[in-house]
Amino acid sequence: MTDRMKAAVLAALLLAWIVLVLSYVVMEPEPQRVPLTYKTGTVPKQGRKPSAVKRPLLVKAVQPPPQNIKNIFAPLDRAEGAKERSETTEAAAAAAAAAAEARRAKRLAKTPPPVVQAAAPAPAPPPPLPVAPPPPQGPTAAQKAGVELGEYRFLGYVVKRGESMAFLEKGHEIYIVKTGDVVNRAVQVKAIDPGFVKLVDARTAVEATIPLTKGTAGAS
């Protein structure tokens, strides 16, 4: 809008305002006037009601002030500049809000999801220790004594002066014994019979009966 057009609009508004004021003043009705009946120095008569004088109401209706009164005398450039500044401010606020929302969405998109770590499995219980077998038990003293007594051989016997004597062999050794004799400090001859010899281990009291070896015979 040019300056000439602005001046024309301002003149038209000013003319309209002047016409409105003049029409309001001209069209206002003149108040009615009533002559006074009371004269100075006279006494009004008793019992007569004074005539009621009706006067027109001169009170003007109070109208509420119009809302959104626009200053028609304000320069158009200032009004348009304020409007433009308001629109610019609103546009800038909307753009700032949109940019903030975009940055927030971008930040959420870049944020990696939380990593959920699975619980570590419980360690397996250790395998039971192998039970060691009991150590092998060696032969007992009684078993050893029985084995030693079984190593003797009864080769024969003789009767000398009414007493029986036996011939025993162990390995390469030959023993001539009688009842009660001790051989190798541990074996005692308990009894001599033509068919067998009974020996006893003095340490363990283990007895063994040694039969007569075939092919041998006793002598008198």
N, C-alpha and C. Protein backbone atom coordinates (compact mmCIF):
# COMPACT_ATOMS: atom_id res chain seq x y z
N MET A 1 0.86 -1.19 0.00
CA MET A 1 0.00 0.00 0.00
C MET A 1 0.90 1.24 0.00
N THR A 2 0.61 2.19 -0.90
CA THR A 2 1.43 3.39 -1.04
C THR A 2 1.02 4.42 0.00
N ASP A 3 1.84 5.46 0.10
CA ASP A 3 1.54 6.55 1.06
C ASP A 3 0.28 7.31 0.65
N ARG A 4 0.08 7.41 -0.62
CA ARG A 4 -1.12 8.15 -1.09
C ARG A 4 -2.39 7.42 -0.71
N MET A 5 -2.36 6.10 -0.88
CA MET A 5 -3.54 5.31 -0.51
C MET A 5 -3.76 5.35 0.99
N LYS A 6 -2.68 5.31 1.76
CA LYS A 6 -2.82 5.38 3.20
C LYS A 6 -3.44 6.70 3.64
N ALA A 7 -3.02 7.81 2.98
CA ALA A 7 -3.58 9.13 3.33
C ALA A 7 -5.06 9.20 2.97
N ALA A 8 -5.44 8.58 1.85
CA ALA A 8 -6.85 8.60 1.44
C ALA A 8 -7.71 7.82 2.43
N VAL A 9 -7.22 6.67 2.86
CA VAL A 9 -7.97 5.87 3.83
C VAL A 9 -8.12 6.63 5.14
N LEU A 10 -7.07 7.29 5.59
CA LEU A 10 -7.12 8.04 6.83
C LEU A 10 -8.09 9.20 6.74
N ALA A 11 -8.15 9.90 5.60
CA ALA A 11 -9.09 11.01 5.43
C ALA A 11 -10.52 10.53 5.42
N ALA A 12 -10.77 9.37 4.79
CA ALA A 12 -12.13 8.83 4.74
C ALA A 12 -12.60 8.46 6.14
N LEU A 13 -11.74 7.86 6.92
CA LEU A 13 -12.12 7.48 8.29
C LEU A 13 -12.40 8.73 9.13
N LEU A 14 -11.59 9.76 8.97
CA LEU A 14 -11.78 10.99 9.73
C LEU A 14 -13.10 11.67 9.36
N LEU A 15 -13.45 11.66 8.10
CA LEU A 15 -14.71 12.25 7.64
C LEU A 15 -15.90 11.48 8.19
N ALA A 16 -15.80 10.17 8.20
CA ALA A 16 -16.90 9.36 8.72
C ALA A 16 -17.10 9.62 10.20
N TRP A 17 -16.04 9.79 10.93
CA TRP A 17 -16.15 10.05 12.37
C TRP A 17 -16.82 11.40 12.63
N ILE A 18 -16.47 12.44 11.84
CA ILE A 18 -17.09 13.76 12.00
C ILE A 18 -18.58 13.72 11.69
N VAL A 19 -18.97 12.99 10.64
CA VAL A 19 -20.40 12.87 10.28
C VAL A 19 -21.14 12.17 11.39
N LEU A 20 -20.55 11.17 12.00
CA LEU A 20 -21.22 10.44 13.08
C LEU A 20 -21.43 11.34 14.29
N VAL A 21 -20.48 12.16 14.66
CA VAL A 21 -20.63 13.07 15.80
C VAL A 21 -21.71 14.11 15.53
N LEU A 22 -21.74 14.67 14.35
CA LEU A 22 -22.75 15.69 14.03
C LEU A 22 -24.16 15.13 14.02
N SER A 23 -24.31 13.96 13.49
CA SER A 23 -25.66 13.36 13.46
C SER A 23 -26.15 13.07 14.86
N TYR A 24 -25.26 12.71 15.77
CA TYR A 24 -25.67 12.43 17.15
C TYR A 24 -26.11 13.71 17.84
N VAL A 25 -25.44 14.82 17.60
CA VAL A 25 -25.79 16.10 18.23
C VAL A 25 -27.09 16.65 17.67
N VAL A 26 -27.31 16.55 16.37
CA VAL A 26 -28.52 17.14 15.73
C VAL A 26 -29.75 16.34 16.10
N MET A 27 -29.65 15.06 16.16
CA MET A 27 -30.82 14.21 16.37
C MET A 27 -31.19 14.08 17.83
N GLU A 28 -30.48 14.66 18.77
CA GLU A 28 -30.84 14.56 20.19
C GLU A 28 -32.08 15.41 20.45
N PRO A 29 -33.21 14.89 21.04
CA PRO A 29 -34.46 15.66 21.27
C PRO A 29 -34.26 16.73 22.36
N GLU A 30 -34.98 17.85 22.16
CA GLU A 30 -34.94 18.96 23.13
C GLU A 30 -35.80 18.62 24.33
N PRO A 31 -35.39 18.85 25.55
CA PRO A 31 -36.18 18.53 26.74
C PRO A 31 -37.45 19.40 26.82
N GLN A 32 -38.56 18.78 27.26
CA GLN A 32 -39.85 19.48 27.40
C GLN A 32 -39.84 20.41 28.61
N ARG A 33 -40.54 21.51 28.44
CA ARG A 33 -40.58 22.50 29.51
C ARG A 33 -42.04 22.70 29.96
N VAL A 34 -42.31 22.75 31.29
CA VAL A 34 -43.66 22.93 31.88
C VAL A 34 -43.66 24.23 32.67
N PRO A 35 -44.69 25.08 32.48
CA PRO A 35 -44.74 26.34 33.25
C PRO A 35 -45.01 26.09 34.71
N LEU A 36 -44.44 26.91 35.57
CA LEU A 36 -44.60 26.78 37.01
C LEU A 36 -45.95 27.38 37.42
N THR A 37 -46.72 26.69 38.30
CA THR A 37 -48.00 27.18 38.80
C THR A 37 -47.88 27.92 40.12
N TYR A 38 -46.76 27.84 40.77
CA TYR A 38 -46.57 28.49 42.07
C TYR A 38 -46.11 29.91 41.85
N LYS A 39 -46.78 30.87 42.53
CA LYS A 39 -46.44 32.29 42.49
C LYS A 39 -45.89 32.71 43.82
N THR A 40 -45.01 33.64 43.75
CA THR A 40 -44.36 34.11 44.97
C THR A 40 -45.35 34.87 45.85
N GLY A 41 -45.42 34.61 47.17
CA GLY A 41 -46.28 35.28 48.14
C GLY A 41 -47.61 34.63 48.35
N THR A 42 -47.98 33.63 47.61
CA THR A 42 -49.26 32.94 47.77
C THR A 42 -49.04 31.69 48.60
N VAL A 43 -50.16 31.32 49.32
CA VAL A 43 -50.12 30.13 50.18
C VAL A 43 -50.90 29.04 49.48
N PRO A 44 -50.37 27.92 49.31
CA PRO A 44 -51.13 26.85 48.65
C PRO A 44 -52.29 26.38 49.50
N LYS A 45 -53.38 26.02 48.83
CA LYS A 45 -54.59 25.58 49.50
C LYS A 45 -54.37 24.18 50.04
N GLN A 46 -54.99 24.02 51.31
CA GLN A 46 -54.89 22.72 51.98
C GLN A 46 -55.85 21.73 51.36
N GLY A 47 -55.51 20.52 51.34
CA GLY A 47 -56.39 19.45 50.87
C GLY A 47 -56.33 19.25 49.38
N ARG A 48 -55.56 20.04 48.70
CA ARG A 48 -55.44 19.86 47.26
C ARG A 48 -54.08 19.31 46.95
N LYS A 49 -54.09 18.29 46.24
CA LYS A 49 -52.82 17.64 45.91
C LYS A 49 -52.12 18.43 44.83
N PRO A 50 -50.91 18.69 45.02
CA PRO A 50 -50.16 19.36 43.95
C PRO A 50 -50.09 18.50 42.71
N SER A 51 -50.16 19.21 41.65
CA SER A 51 -50.12 18.49 40.38
C SER A 51 -48.74 17.88 40.17
N ALA A 52 -48.78 16.71 39.73
CA ALA A 52 -47.52 16.01 39.48
C ALA A 52 -46.96 16.43 38.16
N VAL A 53 -45.79 16.88 38.21
CA VAL A 53 -45.11 17.35 36.99
C VAL A 53 -44.23 16.20 36.49
N LYS A 54 -44.55 15.82 35.36
CA LYS A 54 -43.77 14.75 34.74
C LYS A 54 -42.68 15.36 33.88
N ARG A 55 -41.49 14.98 34.16
CA ARG A 55 -40.35 15.46 33.39
C ARG A 55 -39.76 14.29 32.61
N PRO A 56 -39.44 14.63 31.45
CA PRO A 56 -38.84 13.54 30.66
C PRO A 56 -37.50 13.12 31.25
N LEU A 57 -37.25 11.90 31.14
CA LEU A 57 -35.97 11.36 31.62
C LEU A 57 -34.87 11.81 30.69
N LEU A 58 -33.96 12.53 31.28
CA LEU A 58 -32.84 13.04 30.49
C LEU A 58 -31.58 12.18 30.63
N VAL A 59 -31.74 11.10 31.40
CA VAL A 59 -30.58 10.23 31.61
C VAL A 59 -30.33 9.40 30.37
N LYS A 60 -29.20 9.48 29.86
CA LYS A 60 -28.84 8.72 28.67
C LYS A 60 -28.41 7.30 29.07
N ALA A 61 -28.81 6.45 28.22
CA ALA A 61 -28.43 5.05 28.46
C ALA A 61 -26.91 4.90 28.36
N VAL A 62 -26.39 4.28 29.38
CA VAL A 62 -24.94 4.07 29.41
C VAL A 62 -24.61 2.85 28.58
N GLN A 63 -23.89 3.06 27.58
CA GLN A 63 -23.50 1.96 26.70
C GLN A 63 -22.09 1.49 27.05
N PRO A 64 -21.88 0.20 27.01
CA PRO A 64 -20.54 -0.30 27.31
C PRO A 64 -19.56 0.13 26.24
N PRO A 65 -18.37 0.41 26.64
CA PRO A 65 -17.38 0.82 25.65
C PRO A 65 -17.12 -0.30 24.66
N PRO A 66 -16.97 0.06 23.41
CA PRO A 66 -16.73 -0.98 22.40
C PRO A 66 -15.40 -1.69 22.66
N GLN A 67 -15.43 -2.95 22.34
CA GLN A 67 -14.23 -3.79 22.52
C GLN A 67 -13.34 -3.68 21.29
N ASN A 68 -12.08 -3.91 21.56
CA ASN A 68 -11.09 -3.93 20.48
C ASN A 68 -11.10 -2.61 19.71
N ILE A 69 -10.99 -1.49 20.47
CA ILE A 69 -10.96 -0.18 19.82
C ILE A 69 -9.65 -0.04 19.08
N LYS A 70 -9.75 0.27 17.85
CA LYS A 70 -8.58 0.42 17.00
C LYS A 70 -8.29 1.90 16.83
N ASN A 71 -7.05 2.21 17.06
CA ASN A 71 -6.64 3.60 16.90
C ASN A 71 -6.49 3.89 15.41
N ILE A 72 -7.47 4.66 14.92
CA ILE A 72 -7.46 4.92 13.46
C ILE A 72 -6.40 5.93 13.11
N PHE A 73 -5.89 6.65 14.14
CA PHE A 73 -4.88 7.66 13.86
C PHE A 73 -3.47 7.09 13.91
N ALA A 74 -3.38 5.81 14.31
CA ALA A 74 -2.04 5.24 14.38
C ALA A 74 -1.50 5.07 12.98
N PRO A 75 -0.21 5.29 12.77
CA PRO A 75 0.37 5.10 11.42
C PRO A 75 0.21 3.66 10.97
N LEU A 76 -0.16 3.54 9.68
CA LEU A 76 -0.38 2.20 9.14
C LEU A 76 0.91 1.39 9.13
N ASP A 77 2.02 2.09 8.94
CA ASP A 77 3.29 1.35 8.88
C ASP A 77 3.59 0.68 10.21
N ARG A 78 3.29 1.41 11.33
CA ARG A 78 3.54 0.84 12.64
C ARG A 78 2.66 -0.37 12.90
N ALA A 79 1.38 -0.27 12.54
CA ALA A 79 0.45 -1.39 12.76
C ALA A 79 0.87 -2.60 11.95
N GLU A 80 1.19 -2.34 10.67
CA GLU A 80 1.60 -3.48 9.85
C GLU A 80 2.91 -4.08 10.34
N GLY A 81 3.84 -3.19 10.80
CA GLY A 81 5.11 -3.72 11.32
C GLY A 81 4.91 -4.57 12.55
N ALA A 82 3.99 -4.13 13.45
CA ALA A 82 3.72 -4.93 14.65
C ALA A 82 3.11 -6.26 14.29
N LYS A 83 2.21 -6.23 13.27
CA LYS A 83 1.58 -7.49 12.85
C LYS A 83 2.61 -8.43 12.26
N GLU A 84 3.49 -7.86 11.43
CA GLU A 84 4.52 -8.69 10.83
C GLU A 84 5.46 -9.26 11.89
N ARG A 85 5.82 -8.40 12.87
CA ARG A 85 6.69 -8.91 13.94
C ARG A 85 6.03 -10.02 14.73
N SER A 86 4.71 -9.88 14.99
CA SER A 86 3.99 -10.93 15.71
C SER A 86 3.98 -12.22 14.92
N GLU A 87 3.69 -12.10 13.60
CA GLU A 87 3.68 -13.31 12.78
C GLU A 87 5.08 -13.93 12.72
N THR A 88 6.11 -13.07 12.63
CA THR A 88 7.48 -13.60 12.58
C THR A 88 7.85 -14.32 13.87
N THR A 89 7.42 -13.71 15.01
CA THR A 89 7.72 -14.35 16.31
C THR A 89 7.03 -15.71 16.43
N GLU A 90 5.76 -15.78 15.99
CA GLU A 90 5.04 -17.05 16.06
C GLU A 90 5.69 -18.09 15.15
N ALA A 91 6.08 -17.65 13.94
CA ALA A 91 6.72 -18.60 13.02
C ALA A 91 8.05 -19.09 13.59
N ALA A 92 8.83 -18.17 14.23
CA ALA A 92 10.11 -18.58 14.82
C ALA A 92 9.90 -19.56 15.97
N ALA A 93 8.87 -19.31 16.80
CA ALA A 93 8.60 -20.22 17.92
C ALA A 93 8.20 -21.60 17.41
N ALA A 94 7.35 -21.61 16.33
CA ALA A 94 6.94 -22.90 15.77
C ALA A 94 8.14 -23.64 15.18
N ALA A 95 9.03 -22.88 14.48
CA ALA A 95 10.21 -23.52 13.90
C ALA A 95 11.14 -24.06 14.98
N ALA A 96 11.31 -23.28 16.08
CA ALA A 96 12.16 -23.76 17.18
C ALA A 96 11.60 -25.01 17.82
N ALA A 97 10.26 -25.05 18.00
CA ALA A 97 9.65 -26.26 18.59
C ALA A 97 9.82 -27.46 17.67
N ALA A 98 9.65 -27.24 16.34
CA ALA A 98 9.83 -28.35 15.40
C ALA A 98 11.28 -28.85 15.41
N ALA A 99 12.25 -27.91 15.47
CA ALA A 99 13.65 -28.31 15.50
C ALA A 99 13.98 -29.09 16.77
N ALA A 100 13.44 -28.64 17.92
CA ALA A 100 13.69 -29.36 19.18
C ALA A 100 13.11 -30.76 19.12
N GLU A 101 11.91 -30.91 18.55
CA GLU A 101 11.30 -32.24 18.44
C GLU A 101 12.12 -33.14 17.52
N ALA A 102 12.65 -32.55 16.42
CA ALA A 102 13.48 -33.34 15.51
C ALA A 102 14.77 -33.79 16.18
N ARG A 103 15.40 -32.88 16.96
CA ARG A 103 16.62 -33.27 17.67
C ARG A 103 16.34 -34.36 18.70
N ARG A 104 15.21 -34.26 19.36
CA ARG A 104 14.87 -35.28 20.36
C ARG A 104 14.65 -36.64 19.70
N ALA A 105 13.93 -36.64 18.55
CA ALA A 105 13.70 -37.91 17.85
C ALA A 105 15.01 -38.49 17.34
N LYS A 106 15.92 -37.62 16.85
CA LYS A 106 17.22 -38.10 16.37
C LYS A 106 18.05 -38.67 17.50
N ARG A 107 18.01 -38.02 18.66
CA ARG A 107 18.77 -38.51 19.81
C ARG A 107 18.23 -39.86 20.29
N LEU A 108 16.91 -40.01 20.28
CA LEU A 108 16.33 -41.29 20.69
C LEU A 108 16.69 -42.38 19.69
N ALA A 109 16.76 -42.02 18.39
CA ALA A 109 17.09 -43.03 17.38
C ALA A 109 18.55 -43.47 17.52
N LYS A 110 19.44 -42.55 17.92
CA LYS A 110 20.85 -42.91 18.07
C LYS A 110 21.13 -43.68 19.34
N THR A 111 20.29 -43.53 20.33
CA THR A 111 20.54 -44.21 21.60
C THR A 111 20.36 -45.71 21.43
N PRO A 112 21.39 -46.52 21.66
CA PRO A 112 21.24 -47.98 21.50
C PRO A 112 20.35 -48.55 22.59
N PRO A 113 19.63 -49.59 22.26
CA PRO A 113 18.78 -50.22 23.29
C PRO A 113 19.62 -50.82 24.40
N PRO A 114 19.10 -50.87 25.59
CA PRO A 114 19.88 -51.45 26.70
C PRO A 114 20.19 -52.92 26.46
N VAL A 115 21.41 -53.28 26.77
CA VAL A 115 21.85 -54.66 26.59
C VAL A 115 21.50 -55.45 27.83
N VAL A 116 20.73 -56.49 27.60
CA VAL A 116 20.31 -57.35 28.71
C VAL A 116 21.29 -58.52 28.79
N GLN A 117 22.01 -58.58 29.87
CA GLN A 117 22.98 -59.65 30.05
C GLN A 117 22.31 -60.84 30.71
N ALA A 118 22.48 -61.98 30.04
CA ALA A 118 21.91 -63.20 30.61
C ALA A 118 22.70 -63.63 31.84
N ALA A 119 21.98 -64.15 32.78
CA ALA A 119 22.63 -64.60 34.00
C ALA A 119 23.56 -65.76 33.70
N ALA A 120 24.75 -65.72 34.28
CA ALA A 120 25.73 -66.79 34.05
C ALA A 120 25.21 -68.09 34.65
N PRO A 121 25.34 -69.20 33.89
CA PRO A 121 24.86 -70.48 34.45
C PRO A 121 25.66 -70.87 35.68
N ALA A 122 24.98 -71.50 36.56
CA ALA A 122 25.64 -71.94 37.79
C ALA A 122 26.69 -72.99 37.45
N PRO A 123 27.85 -72.91 38.06
CA PRO A 123 28.89 -73.90 37.76
C PRO A 123 28.45 -75.29 38.16
N ALA A 124 28.82 -76.24 37.31
CA ALA A 124 28.45 -77.62 37.59
C ALA A 124 29.23 -78.12 38.80
N PRO A 125 28.58 -78.91 39.62
CA PRO A 125 29.31 -79.43 40.79
C PRO A 125 30.47 -80.31 40.36
N PRO A 126 31.56 -80.28 41.08
CA PRO A 126 32.72 -81.10 40.70
C PRO A 126 32.37 -82.58 40.79
N PRO A 127 32.95 -83.37 39.89
CA PRO A 127 32.66 -84.81 39.94
C PRO A 127 33.18 -85.41 41.25
N PRO A 128 32.49 -86.40 41.72
CA PRO A 128 32.96 -87.02 42.98
C PRO A 128 34.33 -87.65 42.79
N LEU A 129 35.11 -87.51 43.81
CA LEU A 129 36.46 -88.09 43.77
C LEU A 129 36.37 -89.61 43.73
N PRO A 130 37.18 -90.22 42.89
CA PRO A 130 37.14 -91.69 42.85
C PRO A 130 37.63 -92.28 44.18
N VAL A 131 36.91 -93.27 44.57
CA VAL A 131 37.25 -93.94 45.84
C VAL A 131 38.40 -94.91 45.57
N ALA A 132 39.46 -94.67 46.26
CA ALA A 132 40.63 -95.54 46.07
C ALA A 132 40.33 -96.93 46.63
N PRO A 133 40.66 -97.93 45.84
CA PRO A 133 40.41 -99.28 46.36
C PRO A 133 41.29 -99.55 47.57
N PRO A 134 40.80 -100.32 48.45
CA PRO A 134 41.62 -100.62 49.64
C PRO A 134 42.91 -101.32 49.23
N PRO A 135 43.97 -101.00 49.90
CA PRO A 135 45.26 -101.68 49.55
C PRO A 135 45.15 -103.18 49.75
N PRO A 136 45.78 -103.89 48.86
CA PRO A 136 45.71 -105.35 49.01
C PRO A 136 46.37 -105.79 50.32
N GLN A 137 45.64 -106.60 50.96
CA GLN A 137 46.14 -107.10 52.24
C GLN A 137 47.04 -108.33 52.00
N GLY A 138 48.17 -108.28 52.63
CA GLY A 138 49.08 -109.40 52.50
C GLY A 138 48.62 -110.60 53.34
N PRO A 139 49.22 -111.66 53.13
CA PRO A 139 48.85 -112.85 53.92
C PRO A 139 49.12 -112.62 55.40
N THR A 140 48.24 -113.14 56.20
CA THR A 140 48.39 -112.99 57.64
C THR A 140 49.51 -113.91 58.14
N ALA A 141 49.85 -113.73 59.39
CA ALA A 141 50.90 -114.56 59.99
C ALA A 141 50.50 -116.02 60.03
N ALA A 142 49.19 -116.27 60.26
CA ALA A 142 48.74 -117.66 60.31
C ALA A 142 48.85 -118.31 58.93
N GLN A 143 48.49 -117.47 57.85
CA GLN A 143 48.61 -118.04 56.52
C GLN A 143 50.07 -118.32 56.17
N LYS A 144 50.92 -117.38 56.55
CA LYS A 144 52.34 -117.62 56.28
C LYS A 144 52.84 -118.88 57.02
N ALA A 145 52.39 -119.05 58.24
CA ALA A 145 52.82 -120.24 59.01
C ALA A 145 52.32 -121.53 58.37
N GLY A 146 51.07 -121.49 57.86
CA GLY A 146 50.54 -122.70 57.20
C GLY A 146 51.31 -123.03 55.94
N VAL A 147 51.72 -121.95 55.17
CA VAL A 147 52.50 -122.19 53.95
C VAL A 147 53.86 -122.79 54.30
N GLU A 148 54.49 -122.25 55.33
CA GLU A 148 55.81 -122.77 55.72
C GLU A 148 55.71 -124.24 56.20
N LEU A 149 54.67 -124.54 56.95
CA LEU A 149 54.53 -125.93 57.41
C LEU A 149 54.27 -126.87 56.24
N GLY A 150 53.61 -126.36 55.19
CA GLY A 150 53.34 -127.23 54.04
C GLY A 150 54.56 -127.51 53.20
N GLU A 151 55.66 -126.79 53.46
CA GLU A 151 56.88 -127.03 52.70
C GLU A 151 57.67 -128.25 53.19
N TYR A 152 57.26 -128.77 54.33
CA TYR A 152 57.97 -129.94 54.87
C TYR A 152 57.40 -131.21 54.24
N ARG A 153 58.31 -132.19 54.06
CA ARG A 153 57.91 -133.52 53.55
C ARG A 153 58.33 -134.61 54.58
N PHE A 154 57.40 -135.55 54.75
CA PHE A 154 57.66 -136.68 55.69
C PHE A 154 58.16 -137.86 54.86
N LEU A 155 59.48 -138.10 54.98
CA LEU A 155 60.10 -139.15 54.15
C LEU A 155 60.00 -140.55 54.76
N GLY A 156 60.06 -140.64 56.04
CA GLY A 156 59.97 -141.97 56.69
C GLY A 156 60.22 -141.85 58.19
N TYR A 157 60.19 -142.99 58.83
CA TYR A 157 60.38 -142.96 60.28
C TYR A 157 61.13 -144.26 60.67
N VAL A 158 61.68 -144.15 61.89
CA VAL A 158 62.35 -145.34 62.47
C VAL A 158 61.99 -145.40 63.94
N VAL A 159 62.09 -146.57 64.48
CA VAL A 159 61.86 -146.76 65.91
C VAL A 159 63.20 -147.22 66.49
N LYS A 160 63.72 -146.38 67.36
CA LYS A 160 65.02 -146.67 67.94
C LYS A 160 64.87 -146.66 69.45
N ARG A 161 65.16 -147.87 70.02
CA ARG A 161 65.05 -148.06 71.46
C ARG A 161 63.64 -147.67 71.92
N GLY A 162 62.70 -148.06 71.15
CA GLY A 162 61.29 -147.85 71.51
C GLY A 162 60.78 -146.45 71.29
N GLU A 163 61.58 -145.58 70.66
CA GLU A 163 61.15 -144.18 70.43
C GLU A 163 61.11 -143.94 68.93
N SER A 164 59.99 -143.39 68.45
CA SER A 164 59.82 -143.14 67.02
C SER A 164 60.56 -141.87 66.63
N MET A 165 61.21 -141.95 65.47
CA MET A 165 61.92 -140.81 64.93
C MET A 165 61.50 -140.65 63.47
N ALA A 166 61.40 -139.41 63.04
CA ALA A 166 60.92 -139.13 61.67
C ALA A 166 62.00 -138.42 60.88
N PHE A 167 61.91 -138.66 59.51
CA PHE A 167 62.81 -137.99 58.60
C PHE A 167 62.00 -136.90 57.84
N LEU A 168 62.40 -135.66 58.09
CA LEU A 168 61.70 -134.53 57.44
C LEU A 168 62.64 -133.86 56.44
N GLU A 169 62.06 -133.39 55.37
CA GLU A 169 62.83 -132.72 54.32
C GLU A 169 62.18 -131.36 54.01
N LYS A 170 63.07 -130.34 53.91
CA LYS A 170 62.61 -129.00 53.46
C LYS A 170 63.69 -128.45 52.55
N GLY A 171 63.34 -128.32 51.32
CA GLY A 171 64.33 -127.88 50.34
C GLY A 171 65.38 -128.93 50.18
N HIS A 172 66.63 -128.57 50.47
CA HIS A 172 67.74 -129.52 50.37
C HIS A 172 68.19 -129.98 51.74
N GLU A 173 67.40 -129.65 52.79
CA GLU A 173 67.78 -130.03 54.14
C GLU A 173 66.92 -131.24 54.60
N ILE A 174 67.56 -132.18 55.33
CA ILE A 174 66.88 -133.34 55.90
C ILE A 174 67.09 -133.31 57.40
N TYR A 175 65.93 -133.46 58.11
CA TYR A 175 65.99 -133.40 59.57
C TYR A 175 65.51 -134.74 60.13
N ILE A 176 66.27 -135.23 61.16
CA ILE A 176 65.83 -136.42 61.89
C ILE A 176 65.37 -135.93 63.25
N VAL A 177 64.07 -136.08 63.49
CA VAL A 177 63.47 -135.48 64.68
C VAL A 177 62.66 -136.53 65.41
N LYS A 178 62.40 -136.18 66.63
CA LYS A 178 61.54 -137.00 67.46
C LYS A 178 60.47 -136.10 68.05
N THR A 179 59.56 -136.70 68.76
CA THR A 179 58.45 -135.91 69.31
C THR A 179 58.98 -134.89 70.31
N GLY A 180 58.58 -133.61 70.12
CA GLY A 180 59.01 -132.52 71.00
C GLY A 180 60.14 -131.69 70.47
N ASP A 181 60.85 -132.20 69.40
CA ASP A 181 61.96 -131.41 68.84
C ASP A 181 61.43 -130.17 68.11
N VAL A 182 62.31 -129.18 68.01
CA VAL A 182 61.98 -127.91 67.32
C VAL A 182 62.90 -127.77 66.12
N VAL A 183 62.35 -127.49 64.96
CA VAL A 183 63.09 -127.32 63.70
C VAL A 183 63.02 -125.84 63.29
N ASN A 184 64.17 -125.31 62.92
CA ASN A 184 64.25 -123.91 62.46
C ASN A 184 63.68 -122.92 63.49
N ARG A 185 63.81 -123.25 64.76
CA ARG A 185 63.48 -122.34 65.86
C ARG A 185 62.00 -121.96 65.93
N ALA A 186 61.14 -122.59 65.08
CA ALA A 186 59.74 -122.19 65.10
C ALA A 186 58.80 -123.36 64.93
N VAL A 187 59.27 -124.46 64.35
CA VAL A 187 58.39 -125.60 64.05
C VAL A 187 58.70 -126.72 65.05
N GLN A 188 57.67 -127.10 65.74
CA GLN A 188 57.81 -128.16 66.76
C GLN A 188 57.07 -129.42 66.29
N VAL A 189 57.75 -130.57 66.52
CA VAL A 189 57.14 -131.86 66.17
C VAL A 189 56.22 -132.26 67.29
N LYS A 190 54.94 -132.33 66.98
CA LYS A 190 53.95 -132.62 68.02
C LYS A 190 53.67 -134.11 68.12
N ALA A 191 53.66 -134.81 66.99
CA ALA A 191 53.38 -136.27 67.05
C ALA A 191 53.97 -136.93 65.81
N ILE A 192 54.42 -138.22 66.02
CA ILE A 192 54.95 -139.01 64.90
C ILE A 192 54.16 -140.29 64.83
N ASP A 193 53.69 -140.63 63.64
CA ASP A 193 52.89 -141.83 63.41
C ASP A 193 53.42 -142.49 62.14
N PRO A 194 53.25 -143.74 61.99
CA PRO A 194 53.75 -144.37 60.76
C PRO A 194 53.16 -143.78 59.49
N GLY A 195 52.02 -143.17 59.56
CA GLY A 195 51.38 -142.64 58.33
C GLY A 195 51.47 -141.12 58.20
N PHE A 196 51.83 -140.41 59.28
CA PHE A 196 51.87 -138.93 59.17
C PHE A 196 52.71 -138.37 60.31
N VAL A 197 53.03 -137.08 60.20
CA VAL A 197 53.74 -136.32 61.25
C VAL A 197 52.95 -135.03 61.47
N LYS A 198 52.71 -134.71 62.72
CA LYS A 198 51.97 -133.47 63.04
C LYS A 198 52.96 -132.41 63.53
N LEU A 199 52.94 -131.27 62.83
CA LEU A 199 53.84 -130.16 63.17
C LEU A 199 53.02 -128.96 63.67
N VAL A 200 53.62 -128.15 64.52
CA VAL A 200 52.96 -126.97 65.11
C VAL A 200 53.90 -125.76 65.00
N ASP A 201 53.37 -124.63 64.51
CA ASP A 201 54.14 -123.37 64.48
C ASP A 201 54.08 -122.75 65.87
N ALA A 202 55.22 -122.57 66.48
CA ALA A 202 55.27 -122.08 67.85
C ALA A 202 54.84 -120.62 67.96
N ARG A 203 54.91 -119.86 66.89
CA ARG A 203 54.55 -118.43 66.95
C ARG A 203 53.05 -118.18 66.84
N THR A 204 52.39 -119.00 66.02
CA THR A 204 50.95 -118.75 65.77
C THR A 204 50.07 -119.92 66.22
N ALA A 205 50.67 -120.99 66.70
CA ALA A 205 49.94 -122.19 67.14
C ALA A 205 49.16 -122.84 66.00
N VAL A 206 49.61 -122.63 64.78
CA VAL A 206 48.98 -123.26 63.62
C VAL A 206 49.55 -124.67 63.48
N GLU A 207 48.66 -125.64 63.29
CA GLU A 207 49.07 -127.04 63.16
C GLU A 207 48.92 -127.49 61.72
N ALA A 208 49.77 -128.44 61.34
CA ALA A 208 49.71 -129.03 60.00
C ALA A 208 50.08 -130.51 60.09
N THR A 209 49.31 -131.30 59.39
CA THR A 209 49.57 -132.75 59.38
C THR A 209 50.23 -133.09 58.05
N ILE A 210 51.44 -133.61 58.11
CA ILE A 210 52.22 -133.93 56.91
C ILE A 210 52.13 -135.46 56.70
N PRO A 211 51.48 -135.89 55.61
CA PRO A 211 51.39 -137.34 55.40
C PRO A 211 52.74 -137.93 54.93
N LEU A 212 52.85 -139.25 55.06
CA LEU A 212 54.05 -139.94 54.64
C LEU A 212 54.11 -139.90 53.11
N THR A 213 55.29 -139.56 52.63
CA THR A 213 55.48 -139.47 51.18
C THR A 213 55.52 -140.88 50.62
N LYS A 214 54.83 -141.06 49.47
CA LYS A 214 54.81 -142.41 48.88
C LYS A 214 56.19 -142.77 48.40
N GLY A 215 56.47 -144.06 48.47
CA GLY A 215 57.75 -144.56 48.02
C GLY A 215 58.78 -144.65 49.13
N THR A 216 58.39 -144.26 50.34
CA THR A 216 59.29 -144.35 51.48
C THR A 216 58.66 -145.25 52.51
N ALA A 217 59.45 -145.78 53.45
CA ALA A 217 58.93 -146.68 54.47
C ALA A 217 59.74 -146.48 55.75
N GLY A 218 59.16 -146.94 56.80
CA GLY A 218 59.81 -146.78 58.06
C GLY A 218 60.72 -147.98 58.36
N ALA A 219 61.64 -147.83 59.35
CA ALA A 219 62.57 -148.90 59.73
C ALA A 219 62.54 -149.07 61.22
N SER A 220 62.94 -150.27 61.68
CA SER A 220 62.93 -150.56 63.12
C SER A 220 64.36 -150.53 63.65
